[in-house]
Amino acid sequence: MGFENVCKSLKNYFSNNKILAPLQMYALPVTLACGALMVLQLIIPGFSLGWFYTLVKIAFYLFFFMLLGTENFLMIAIALGLRAVYFLIDEIQALVGEYSYFSMASLIYVIVFGFLTYLAYMKSIKK
């Protein structure tokens, strides 16, 4: 019940905000596009977003919170899954890369975002 109340209050906030209300309908495509760009940056060698990566990351989280306001839990699970995949690829690249090190931060992010993905997916099934 607490998570649904947070989603409803986010929806109220974004719908009453004059600047963010018109942008709320773009929450899903922008969140998924930003998540895909972040994953592509890791997968494709030589593909670097540079300083634009910071803007993509900010847009991902801003529009993700807008997506939470829509209460579309399947799409929330997909967006969280993209973030979990990003950190999983980062962990794999760290293990088999040139320096072969274990990134504890990426492992924790994979666990956290993977668990949140699972919870959002289970929430979408129950609805």
C-alpha atoms as a PDB file:
ATOM      1  CA  MET A   1       0.000   0.000   0.000  1.00  0.00           C
ATOM      2  CA  GLY A   2       2.832   2.432   0.752  1.00  0.00           C
ATOM      3  CA  PHE A   3       4.362   2.179  -2.726  1.00  0.00           C
ATOM      4  CA  GLU A   4       1.025   2.877  -4.398  1.00  0.00           C
ATOM      5  CA  ASN A   5       0.554   5.947  -2.206  1.00  0.00           C
ATOM      6  CA  VAL A   6       3.958   7.233  -3.292  1.00  0.00           C
ATOM      7  CA  CYS A   7       2.996   6.692  -6.946  1.00  0.00           C
ATOM      8  CA  LYS A   8      -0.281   8.561  -6.459  1.00  0.00           C
ATOM      9  CA  SER A   9       1.412  11.492  -4.744  1.00  0.00           C
ATOM     10  CA  LEU A  10       4.002  11.657  -7.539  1.00  0.00           C
ATOM     11  CA  LYS A  11       1.194  11.698 -10.069  1.00  0.00           C
ATOM     12  CA  ASN A  12      -0.501  14.561  -8.215  1.00  0.00           C
ATOM     13  CA  TYR A  13       2.744  16.510  -8.017  1.00  0.00           C
ATOM     14  CA  PHE A  14       3.655  16.117 -11.676  1.00  0.00           C
ATOM     15  CA  SER A  15       0.122  16.814 -12.915  1.00  0.00           C
ATOM     16  CA  ASN A  16      -0.079  20.040 -10.863  1.00  0.00           C
ATOM     17  CA  ASN A  17       3.339  21.302 -11.932  1.00  0.00           C
ATOM     18  CA  LYS A  18       3.055  23.727 -14.868  1.00  0.00           C
ATOM     19  CA  ILE A  19       6.423  22.815 -16.346  1.00  0.00           C
ATOM     20  CA  LEU A  20       6.441  19.047 -15.840  1.00  0.00           C
ATOM     21  CA  ALA A  21       2.744  18.300 -16.534  1.00  0.00           C
ATOM     22  CA  PRO A  22       3.060  18.439 -20.351  1.00  0.00           C
ATOM     23  CA  LEU A  23       6.204  16.295 -20.194  1.00  0.00           C
ATOM     24  CA  GLN A  24       4.528  13.487 -18.256  1.00  0.00           C
ATOM     25  CA  MET A  25       3.158  11.836 -21.383  1.00  0.00           C
ATOM     26  CA  TYR A  26       6.730  11.400 -22.652  1.00  0.00           C
ATOM     27  CA  ALA A  27       7.852   9.596 -19.498  1.00  0.00           C
ATOM     28  CA  LEU A  28       7.819   6.097 -20.969  1.00  0.00           C
ATOM     29  CA  PRO A  29       9.620   6.686 -24.286  1.00  0.00           C
ATOM     30  CA  VAL A  30      12.251   9.004 -22.797  1.00  0.00           C
ATOM     31  CA  THR A  31      12.979   6.650 -19.892  1.00  0.00           C
ATOM     32  CA  LEU A  32      13.386   3.653 -22.193  1.00  0.00           C
ATOM     33  CA  ALA A  33      15.446   5.606 -24.750  1.00  0.00           C
ATOM     34  CA  CYS A  34      17.799   6.928 -22.066  1.00  0.00           C
ATOM     35  CA  GLY A  35      18.156   3.453 -20.560  1.00  0.00           C
ATOM     36  CA  ALA A  36      18.934   1.996 -23.972  1.00  0.00           C
ATOM     37  CA  LEU A  37      21.537   4.708 -24.647  1.00  0.00           C
ATOM     38  CA  MET A  38      23.247   3.946 -21.350  1.00  0.00           C
ATOM     39  CA  VAL A  39      23.385   0.227 -22.166  1.00  0.00           C
ATOM     40  CA  LEU A  40      24.595   0.891 -25.729  1.00  0.00           C
ATOM     41  CA  GLN A  41      27.450   2.992 -24.408  1.00  0.00           C
ATOM     42  CA  LEU A  42      28.773  -0.046 -22.554  1.00  0.00           C
ATOM     43  CA  ILE A  43      28.163  -2.610 -25.300  1.00  0.00           C
ATOM     44  CA  ILE A  44      29.513  -0.831 -28.395  1.00  0.00           C
ATOM     45  CA  PRO A  45      33.248  -0.163 -28.253  1.00  0.00           C
ATOM     46  CA  GLY A  46      34.118   3.379 -29.241  1.00  0.00           C
ATOM     47  CA  PHE A  47      30.569   4.636 -28.700  1.00  0.00           C
ATOM     48  CA  SER A  48      30.907   7.281 -26.032  1.00  0.00           C
ATOM     49  CA  LEU A  49      28.322   9.874 -25.118  1.00  0.00           C
ATOM     50  CA  GLY A  50      30.889  11.990 -23.280  1.00  0.00           C
ATOM     51  CA  TRP A  51      29.355  14.880 -21.335  1.00  0.00           C
ATOM     52  CA  PHE A  52      25.956  14.048 -22.882  1.00  0.00           C
ATOM     53  CA  TYR A  53      25.917  10.892 -20.739  1.00  0.00           C
ATOM     54  CA  THR A  54      25.284  13.022 -17.654  1.00  0.00           C
ATOM     55  CA  LEU A  55      22.243  14.606 -19.294  1.00  0.00           C
ATOM     56  CA  VAL A  56      20.973  11.185 -20.372  1.00  0.00           C
ATOM     57  CA  LYS A  57      21.344   9.901 -16.814  1.00  0.00           C
ATOM     58  CA  ILE A  58      19.514  12.913 -15.338  1.00  0.00           C
ATOM     59  CA  ALA A  59      16.734  12.569 -17.924  1.00  0.00           C
ATOM     60  CA  PHE A  60      16.450   8.842 -17.162  1.00  0.00           C
ATOM     61  CA  TYR A  61      15.866   9.420 -13.457  1.00  0.00           C
ATOM     62  CA  LEU A  62      13.597  12.462 -13.905  1.00  0.00           C
ATOM     63  CA  PHE A  63      11.357  10.696 -16.372  1.00  0.00           C
ATOM     64  CA  PHE A  64      11.556   7.493 -14.321  1.00  0.00           C
ATOM     65  CA  PHE A  65       9.946   9.336 -11.414  1.00  0.00           C
ATOM     66  CA  MET A  66       7.305  10.587 -13.836  1.00  0.00           C
ATOM     67  CA  LEU A  67       6.823   6.984 -14.965  1.00  0.00           C
ATOM     68  CA  LEU A  68       6.272   6.004 -11.334  1.00  0.00           C
ATOM     69  CA  GLY A  69       3.410   8.511 -11.310  1.00  0.00           C
ATOM     70  CA  THR A  70       1.678   6.670 -14.146  1.00  0.00           C
ATOM     71  CA  GLU A  71       1.558   3.456 -12.049  1.00  0.00           C
ATOM     72  CA  ASN A  72       2.419   1.346 -15.105  1.00  0.00           C
ATOM     73  CA  PHE A  73       4.341  -1.283 -13.155  1.00  0.00           C
ATOM     74  CA  LEU A  74       5.351  -3.412 -16.145  1.00  0.00           C
ATOM     75  CA  MET A  75       7.089  -0.463 -17.785  1.00  0.00           C
ATOM     76  CA  ILE A  76       8.645   0.466 -14.440  1.00  0.00           C
ATOM     77  CA  ALA A  77      10.011  -3.089 -14.266  1.00  0.00           C
ATOM     78  CA  ILE A  78      11.441  -2.774 -17.779  1.00  0.00           C
ATOM     79  CA  ALA A  79      13.123   0.546 -16.954  1.00  0.00           C
ATOM     80  CA  LEU A  80      14.602  -0.866 -13.746  1.00  0.00           C
ATOM     81  CA  GLY A  81      15.657  -3.967 -15.671  1.00  0.00           C
ATOM     82  CA  LEU A  82      17.558  -1.808 -18.155  1.00  0.00           C
ATOM     83  CA  ARG A  83      19.434  -0.238 -15.279  1.00  0.00           C
ATOM     84  CA  ALA A  84      20.184  -3.680 -13.782  1.00  0.00           C
ATOM     85  CA  VAL A  85      21.450  -4.902 -17.172  1.00  0.00           C
ATOM     86  CA  TYR A  86      23.665  -1.824 -17.420  1.00  0.00           C
ATOM     87  CA  PHE A  87      25.378  -2.638 -14.127  1.00  0.00           C
ATOM     88  CA  LEU A  88      25.566  -6.356 -14.970  1.00  0.00           C
ATOM     89  CA  ILE A  89      27.395  -5.558 -18.209  1.00  0.00           C
ATOM     90  CA  ASP A  90      29.653  -3.188 -16.277  1.00  0.00           C
ATOM     91  CA  GLU A  91      30.480  -5.958 -13.804  1.00  0.00           C
ATOM     92  CA  ILE A  92      31.194  -8.483 -16.570  1.00  0.00           C
ATOM     93  CA  GLN A  93      33.429  -5.999 -18.385  1.00  0.00           C
ATOM     94  CA  ALA A  94      35.316  -5.331 -15.158  1.00  0.00           C
ATOM     95  CA  LEU A  95      35.877  -9.058 -14.575  1.00  0.00           C
ATOM     96  CA  VAL A  96      37.002 -10.008 -18.078  1.00  0.00           C
ATOM     97  CA  GLY A  97      38.452  -6.672 -19.127  1.00  0.00           C
ATOM     98  CA  GLU A  98      42.040  -5.528 -19.387  1.00  0.00           C
ATOM     99  CA  TYR A  99      42.587  -5.103 -15.642  1.00  0.00           C
ATOM    100  CA  SER A 100      40.332  -7.943 -14.371  1.00  0.00           C
ATOM    101  CA  TYR A 101      38.995  -6.527 -11.140  1.00  0.00           C
ATOM    102  CA  PHE A 102      35.866  -7.200  -9.106  1.00  0.00           C
ATOM    103  CA  SER A 103      33.562  -4.215  -8.798  1.00  0.00           C
ATOM    104  CA  MET A 104      31.614  -4.509  -5.573  1.00  0.00           C
ATOM    105  CA  ALA A 105      29.580  -1.376  -6.380  1.00  0.00           C
ATOM    106  CA  SER A 106      28.306  -2.832  -9.653  1.00  0.00           C
ATOM    107  CA  LEU A 107      27.403  -6.086  -7.924  1.00  0.00           C
ATOM    108  CA  ILE A 108      25.390  -4.211  -5.285  1.00  0.00           C
ATOM    109  CA  TYR A 109      23.644  -2.185  -7.998  1.00  0.00           C
ATOM    110  CA  VAL A 110      22.788  -5.376  -9.897  1.00  0.00           C
ATOM    111  CA  ILE A 111      21.289  -6.879  -6.743  1.00  0.00           C
ATOM    112  CA  VAL A 112      19.331  -3.730  -5.807  1.00  0.00           C
ATOM    113  CA  PHE A 113      18.007  -2.926  -9.271  1.00  0.00           C
ATOM    114  CA  GLY A 114      17.354  -6.598  -9.991  1.00  0.00           C
ATOM    115  CA  PHE A 115      15.337  -6.932  -6.800  1.00  0.00           C
ATOM    116  CA  LEU A 116      13.374  -3.751  -7.567  1.00  0.00           C
ATOM    117  CA  THR A 117      12.736  -5.069 -11.082  1.00  0.00           C
ATOM    118  CA  TYR A 118      11.408  -8.303  -9.616  1.00  0.00           C
ATOM    119  CA  LEU A 119       9.137  -6.444  -7.187  1.00  0.00           C
ATOM    120  CA  ALA A 120       7.751  -4.154  -9.900  1.00  0.00           C
ATOM    121  CA  TYR A 121       7.160  -7.122 -12.200  1.00  0.00           C
ATOM    122  CA  MET A 122       5.326  -9.028  -9.465  1.00  0.00           C
ATOM    123  CA  LYS A 123       3.254  -5.900  -8.793  1.00  0.00           C
ATOM    124  CA  SER A 124       2.320  -5.738 -12.490  1.00  0.00           C
ATOM    125  CA  ILE A 125       1.197  -9.379 -12.469  1.00  0.00           C
ATOM    126  CA  LYS A 126      -1.032  -8.859  -9.424  1.00  0.00           C
ATOM    127  CA  LYS A 127      -2.789  -5.865 -10.934  1.00  0.00           C
END
